[in-house]
Amino acid sequence: MDQDSIFLIKEKYDLKKDFALLVSMMDYARLTTIQEVENLSVNELDYRVHDEANSIGMLLAHFDAVEKIYQALTFEDLSDDELDKYAETLEPALSLGKEAEVIKGKDVSEYLDRLSESRSKTISHFRELPAAWLFEETDWWYGKKGNNFFKWFHVFEDEINHRGQIRMIKKIHSKDQ
């Protein structure tokens, strides 16, 4: 991630233009997530507001699982059964919920390393794809069409949404101390 150009949505990483613009936005979303969590202790990462709530660690694992499932959804030609089986390997981080309470005890570097590895894989795949791939349409949500550009927008939009939870969890945790 080129922090010198973080506020510039522009061509980078030797990507085709539309991919570069998308990754520019993904980079900014990720940088702001990293800034929120990079100095947190394991205790802070594992803190939950109540028994049904997510922890910051759970959310970081979720970001990684979401990126991985979208890699499978958009880069691989999997059958529904194959996709379902792969999604199961990403649980409980993918769906979160009560089952995700087992996601704990990890240092922030472990979460950030996984996020970095997944993002590197995404960018590597983006380099190999034709520009028209972003605009390929498939059946998506609610009986409507979606294109790959939207799908990857959703990956970082989901992260931004959950980053709001991270900020709230940090505030509540600091008040509880």
C-alpha atoms as a PDB file:
ATOM      1  CA  MET A   1       0.000   0.000   0.000  1.00  0.00           C
ATOM      2  CA  ASP A   2       1.532   3.272  -1.131  1.00  0.00           C
ATOM      3  CA  GLN A   3       0.777   5.649   1.745  1.00  0.00           C
ATOM      4  CA  ASP A   4       2.194   8.623  -0.163  1.00  0.00           C
ATOM      5  CA  SER A   5      -0.710   8.393  -2.591  1.00  0.00           C
ATOM      6  CA  ILE A   6      -3.393   7.169  -0.171  1.00  0.00           C
ATOM      7  CA  PHE A   7      -5.615  10.190  -0.855  1.00  0.00           C
ATOM      8  CA  LEU A   8      -5.280   9.822  -4.616  1.00  0.00           C
ATOM      9  CA  ILE A   9      -7.655   7.598  -6.526  1.00  0.00           C
ATOM     10  CA  LYS A  10      -5.445   6.854  -9.480  1.00  0.00           C
ATOM     11  CA  GLU A  11      -3.649   4.229 -11.490  1.00  0.00           C
ATOM     12  CA  LYS A  12      -1.224   2.139  -9.432  1.00  0.00           C
ATOM     13  CA  TYR A  13       0.228  -1.340  -8.911  1.00  0.00           C
ATOM     14  CA  ASP A  14       0.502  -1.826 -12.680  1.00  0.00           C
ATOM     15  CA  LEU A  15      -3.249  -2.456 -12.761  1.00  0.00           C
ATOM     16  CA  LYS A  16      -5.571  -1.545 -15.574  1.00  0.00           C
ATOM     17  CA  LYS A  17      -7.264   1.792 -14.887  1.00  0.00           C
ATOM     18  CA  ASP A  18     -10.614   0.645 -13.451  1.00  0.00           C
ATOM     19  CA  PHE A  19      -8.931  -1.968 -11.261  1.00  0.00           C
ATOM     20  CA  ALA A  20      -6.469   0.646 -10.025  1.00  0.00           C
ATOM     21  CA  LEU A  21      -9.288   3.029  -9.115  1.00  0.00           C
ATOM     22  CA  LEU A  22     -11.082   0.264  -7.222  1.00  0.00           C
ATOM     23  CA  VAL A  23      -7.912  -0.777  -5.385  1.00  0.00           C
ATOM     24  CA  SER A  24      -7.189   2.858  -4.519  1.00  0.00           C
ATOM     25  CA  MET A  25     -10.479   2.944  -2.620  1.00  0.00           C
ATOM     26  CA  MET A  26      -9.833  -0.477  -1.082  1.00  0.00           C
ATOM     27  CA  ASP A  27      -6.396   0.732   0.085  1.00  0.00           C
ATOM     28  CA  TYR A  28      -7.847   3.748   1.858  1.00  0.00           C
ATOM     29  CA  ALA A  29     -10.503   1.658   3.593  1.00  0.00           C
ATOM     30  CA  ARG A  30      -7.852  -0.832   4.721  1.00  0.00           C
ATOM     31  CA  LEU A  31      -5.412   1.833   5.897  1.00  0.00           C
ATOM     32  CA  THR A  32      -8.049   3.425   8.099  1.00  0.00           C
ATOM     33  CA  THR A  33      -8.898  -0.003   9.533  1.00  0.00           C
ATOM     34  CA  ILE A  34      -5.236  -0.700  10.265  1.00  0.00           C
ATOM     35  CA  GLN A  35      -4.874   2.683  11.967  1.00  0.00           C
ATOM     36  CA  GLU A  36      -7.820   1.821  14.244  1.00  0.00           C
ATOM     37  CA  VAL A  37      -6.402  -1.515  15.380  1.00  0.00           C
ATOM     38  CA  GLU A  38      -2.628  -1.602  14.926  1.00  0.00           C
ATOM     39  CA  ASN A  39      -1.777  -0.843  18.561  1.00  0.00           C
ATOM     40  CA  LEU A  40      -4.497  -2.856  20.262  1.00  0.00           C
ATOM     41  CA  SER A  41      -3.692  -5.536  22.825  1.00  0.00           C
ATOM     42  CA  VAL A  42      -5.113  -9.048  22.684  1.00  0.00           C
ATOM     43  CA  ASN A  43      -7.435  -8.030  25.534  1.00  0.00           C
ATOM     44  CA  GLU A  44      -8.739  -5.089  23.493  1.00  0.00           C
ATOM     45  CA  LEU A  45      -9.131  -7.262  20.389  1.00  0.00           C
ATOM     46  CA  ASP A  46     -11.099  -9.876  22.345  1.00  0.00           C
ATOM     47  CA  TYR A  47     -13.344  -7.483  24.309  1.00  0.00           C
ATOM     48  CA  ARG A  48     -17.069  -7.929  23.685  1.00  0.00           C
ATOM     49  CA  VAL A  49     -19.687  -5.438  24.843  1.00  0.00           C
ATOM     50  CA  HIS A  50     -22.024  -8.335  25.708  1.00  0.00           C
ATOM     51  CA  ASP A  51     -22.318 -12.072  25.008  1.00  0.00           C
ATOM     52  CA  GLU A  52     -24.001 -11.578  21.635  1.00  0.00           C
ATOM     53  CA  ALA A  53     -21.630  -8.852  20.403  1.00  0.00           C
ATOM     54  CA  ASN A  54     -18.694  -9.020  18.028  1.00  0.00           C
ATOM     55  CA  SER A  55     -15.168  -8.369  19.207  1.00  0.00           C
ATOM     56  CA  ILE A  56     -12.682  -6.387  17.157  1.00  0.00           C
ATOM     57  CA  GLY A  57     -10.752  -9.592  16.508  1.00  0.00           C
ATOM     58  CA  MET A  58     -13.912 -11.254  15.232  1.00  0.00           C
ATOM     59  CA  LEU A  59     -14.476  -8.342  12.858  1.00  0.00           C
ATOM     60  CA  LEU A  60     -10.899  -8.451  11.557  1.00  0.00           C
ATOM     61  CA  ALA A  61     -11.291 -12.184  10.897  1.00  0.00           C
ATOM     62  CA  HIS A  62     -14.583 -11.386   9.165  1.00  0.00           C
ATOM     63  CA  PHE A  63     -12.876  -8.886   6.822  1.00  0.00           C
ATOM     64  CA  ASP A  64     -10.458 -11.613   5.772  1.00  0.00           C
ATOM     65  CA  ALA A  65     -13.220 -14.200   5.320  1.00  0.00           C
ATOM     66  CA  VAL A  66     -15.288 -11.798   3.214  1.00  0.00           C
ATOM     67  CA  GLU A  67     -12.351 -11.079   0.927  1.00  0.00           C
ATOM     68  CA  LYS A  68     -11.673 -14.796   0.548  1.00  0.00           C
ATOM     69  CA  ILE A  69     -15.279 -15.686  -0.267  1.00  0.00           C
ATOM     70  CA  TYR A  70     -15.421 -12.905  -2.860  1.00  0.00           C
ATOM     71  CA  GLN A  71     -12.209 -14.231  -4.380  1.00  0.00           C
ATOM     72  CA  ALA A  72     -13.955 -17.584  -4.733  1.00  0.00           C
ATOM     73  CA  LEU A  73     -17.182 -15.976  -5.977  1.00  0.00           C
ATOM     74  CA  THR A  74     -15.515 -13.881  -8.644  1.00  0.00           C
ATOM     75  CA  PHE A  75     -12.176 -15.495  -9.536  1.00  0.00           C
ATOM     76  CA  GLU A  76     -13.127 -19.162  -9.552  1.00  0.00           C
ATOM     77  CA  ASP A  77     -15.750 -21.055 -11.485  1.00  0.00           C
ATOM     78  CA  LEU A  78     -17.174 -23.033  -8.560  1.00  0.00           C
ATOM     79  CA  SER A  79     -20.447 -24.879  -8.434  1.00  0.00           C
ATOM     80  CA  ASP A  80     -22.897 -23.838  -5.727  1.00  0.00           C
ATOM     81  CA  ASP A  81     -21.949 -26.951  -3.738  1.00  0.00           C
ATOM     82  CA  GLU A  82     -18.226 -26.202  -4.045  1.00  0.00           C
ATOM     83  CA  LEU A  83     -18.800 -22.604  -3.006  1.00  0.00           C
ATOM     84  CA  ASP A  84     -20.894 -23.702  -0.018  1.00  0.00           C
ATOM     85  CA  LYS A  85     -18.163 -26.140   1.060  1.00  0.00           C
ATOM     86  CA  TYR A  86     -15.522 -23.430   0.758  1.00  0.00           C
ATOM     87  CA  ALA A  87     -17.684 -20.972   2.705  1.00  0.00           C
ATOM     88  CA  GLU A  88     -17.904 -23.535   5.512  1.00  0.00           C
ATOM     89  CA  THR A  89     -14.096 -23.415   5.827  1.00  0.00           C
ATOM     90  CA  LEU A  90     -14.348 -19.665   6.458  1.00  0.00           C
ATOM     91  CA  GLU A  91     -16.779 -20.044   9.332  1.00  0.00           C
ATOM     92  CA  PRO A  92     -17.375 -18.753  11.912  1.00  0.00           C
ATOM     93  CA  ALA A  93     -15.631 -15.580  10.744  1.00  0.00           C
ATOM     94  CA  LEU A  94     -17.730 -15.271   7.611  1.00  0.00           C
ATOM     95  CA  SER A  95     -21.128 -15.207   9.322  1.00  0.00           C
ATOM     96  CA  LEU A  96     -20.023 -14.029  12.776  1.00  0.00           C
ATOM     97  CA  GLY A  97     -22.699 -14.604  15.428  1.00  0.00           C
ATOM     98  CA  LYS A  98     -22.441 -16.644  18.612  1.00  0.00           C
ATOM     99  CA  GLU A  99     -20.215 -19.277  16.997  1.00  0.00           C
ATOM    100  CA  ALA A 100     -17.540 -16.649  16.308  1.00  0.00           C
ATOM    101  CA  GLU A 101     -16.822 -16.189  20.004  1.00  0.00           C
ATOM    102  CA  VAL A 102     -14.040 -18.779  19.515  1.00  0.00           C
ATOM    103  CA  ILE A 103     -12.094 -16.148  17.543  1.00  0.00           C
ATOM    104  CA  LYS A 104      -9.872 -14.824  20.299  1.00  0.00           C
ATOM    105  CA  GLY A 105      -6.413 -14.887  21.787  1.00  0.00           C
ATOM    106  CA  LYS A 106      -4.640 -13.633  18.677  1.00  0.00           C
ATOM    107  CA  ASP A 107      -2.214 -10.768  18.378  1.00  0.00           C
ATOM    108  CA  VAL A 108      -3.148  -7.965  16.002  1.00  0.00           C
ATOM    109  CA  SER A 109      -0.215  -8.862  13.747  1.00  0.00           C
ATOM    110  CA  GLU A 110      -1.796 -12.245  13.007  1.00  0.00           C
ATOM    111  CA  TYR A 111      -5.028 -10.612  11.830  1.00  0.00           C
ATOM    112  CA  LEU A 112      -3.182  -7.958   9.821  1.00  0.00           C
ATOM    113  CA  ASP A 113      -0.888 -10.531   8.198  1.00  0.00           C
ATOM    114  CA  ARG A 114      -3.891 -12.544   7.023  1.00  0.00           C
ATOM    115  CA  LEU A 115      -5.580  -9.420   5.671  1.00  0.00           C
ATOM    116  CA  SER A 116      -2.406  -8.472   3.814  1.00  0.00           C
ATOM    117  CA  GLU A 117      -2.021 -11.950   2.310  1.00  0.00           C
ATOM    118  CA  SER A 118      -5.613 -11.991   1.087  1.00  0.00           C
ATOM    119  CA  ARG A 119      -5.340  -8.504  -0.377  1.00  0.00           C
ATOM    120  CA  SER A 120      -2.121  -9.430  -2.187  1.00  0.00           C
ATOM    121  CA  LYS A 121      -3.925 -12.391  -3.746  1.00  0.00           C
ATOM    122  CA  THR A 122      -6.783 -10.110  -4.822  1.00  0.00           C
ATOM    123  CA  ILE A 123      -4.450  -7.596  -6.457  1.00  0.00           C
ATOM    124  CA  SER A 124      -2.525 -10.374  -8.170  1.00  0.00           C
ATOM    125  CA  HIS A 125      -5.758 -11.711  -9.674  1.00  0.00           C
ATOM    126  CA  PHE A 126      -6.858  -8.226 -10.697  1.00  0.00           C
ATOM    127  CA  ARG A 127      -3.599  -7.845 -12.666  1.00  0.00           C
ATOM    128  CA  GLU A 128      -4.450 -10.877 -14.782  1.00  0.00           C
ATOM    129  CA  LEU A 129      -8.050  -9.989 -15.609  1.00  0.00           C
ATOM    130  CA  PRO A 130      -9.289  -8.010 -18.616  1.00  0.00           C
ATOM    131  CA  ALA A 131     -10.828  -4.618 -17.848  1.00  0.00           C
ATOM    132  CA  ALA A 132     -14.219  -5.790 -19.114  1.00  0.00           C
ATOM    133  CA  TRP A 133     -14.340  -8.402 -16.293  1.00  0.00           C
ATOM    134  CA  LEU A 134     -15.303  -5.703 -13.791  1.00  0.00           C
ATOM    135  CA  PHE A 135     -18.486  -5.032 -15.745  1.00  0.00           C
ATOM    136  CA  GLU A 136     -19.566  -8.638 -16.295  1.00  0.00           C
ATOM    137  CA  GLU A 137     -23.076  -9.083 -14.900  1.00  0.00           C
ATOM    138  CA  THR A 138     -24.491 -12.070 -13.062  1.00  0.00           C
ATOM    139  CA  ASP A 139     -27.599 -12.729 -11.049  1.00  0.00           C
ATOM    140  CA  TRP A 140     -26.936 -11.326  -7.633  1.00  0.00           C
ATOM    141  CA  TRP A 141     -29.084 -10.208  -4.714  1.00  0.00           C
ATOM    142  CA  TYR A 142     -32.844  -9.837  -4.535  1.00  0.00           C
ATOM    143  CA  GLY A 143     -33.351 -11.117  -8.086  1.00  0.00           C
ATOM    144  CA  LYS A 144     -31.265  -8.297  -9.526  1.00  0.00           C
ATOM    145  CA  LYS A 145     -28.074  -8.240 -11.573  1.00  0.00           C
ATOM    146  CA  GLY A 146     -24.713  -7.316 -10.125  1.00  0.00           C
ATOM    147  CA  ASN A 147     -21.328  -6.860 -11.715  1.00  0.00           C
ATOM    148  CA  ASN A 148     -17.863  -7.689 -10.410  1.00  0.00           C
ATOM    149  CA  PHE A 149     -17.156  -4.017  -9.799  1.00  0.00           C
ATOM    150  CA  PHE A 150     -20.084  -3.867  -7.364  1.00  0.00           C
ATOM    151  CA  LYS A 151     -19.064  -7.143  -5.722  1.00  0.00           C
ATOM    152  CA  TRP A 152     -15.612  -5.798  -4.947  1.00  0.00           C
ATOM    153  CA  PHE A 153     -17.043  -2.442  -3.895  1.00  0.00           C
ATOM    154  CA  HIS A 154     -19.126  -4.421  -1.397  1.00  0.00           C
ATOM    155  CA  VAL A 155     -15.974  -6.030   0.043  1.00  0.00           C
ATOM    156  CA  PHE A 156     -14.581  -2.711   1.201  1.00  0.00           C
ATOM    157  CA  GLU A 157     -18.010  -1.203   1.929  1.00  0.00           C
ATOM    158  CA  ASP A 158     -18.598  -4.063   4.382  1.00  0.00           C
ATOM    159  CA  GLU A 159     -15.245  -3.306   6.021  1.00  0.00           C
ATOM    160  CA  ILE A 160     -16.098   0.388   6.358  1.00  0.00           C
ATOM    161  CA  ASN A 161     -19.455  -0.494   7.885  1.00  0.00           C
ATOM    162  CA  HIS A 162     -17.903  -2.822  10.456  1.00  0.00           C
ATOM    163  CA  ARG A 163     -15.100  -0.366  11.173  1.00  0.00           C
ATOM    164  CA  GLY A 164     -17.815   1.790  12.728  1.00  0.00           C
ATOM    165  CA  GLN A 165     -18.430  -1.115  15.111  1.00  0.00           C
ATOM    166  CA  ILE A 166     -14.714  -1.262  15.867  1.00  0.00           C
ATOM    167  CA  ARG A 167     -14.706   2.415  16.837  1.00  0.00           C
ATOM    168  CA  MET A 168     -17.765   1.924  19.044  1.00  0.00           C
ATOM    169  CA  ILE A 169     -16.237  -1.148  20.732  1.00  0.00           C
ATOM    170  CA  LYS A 170     -13.028   0.785  21.434  1.00  0.00           C
ATOM    171  CA  LYS A 171     -14.972   3.656  23.032  1.00  0.00           C
ATOM    172  CA  ILE A 172     -17.057   1.363  25.209  1.00  0.00           C
ATOM    173  CA  HIS A 173     -14.019  -0.670  26.231  1.00  0.00           C
ATOM    174  CA  SER A 174     -12.093   2.449  27.233  1.00  0.00           C
ATOM    175  CA  LYS A 175     -15.040   3.554  29.405  1.00  0.00           C
ATOM    176  CA  ASP A 176     -15.238   0.111  31.040  1.00  0.00           C
ATOM    177  CA  GLN A 177     -11.580   0.294  32.095  1.00  0.00           C
END
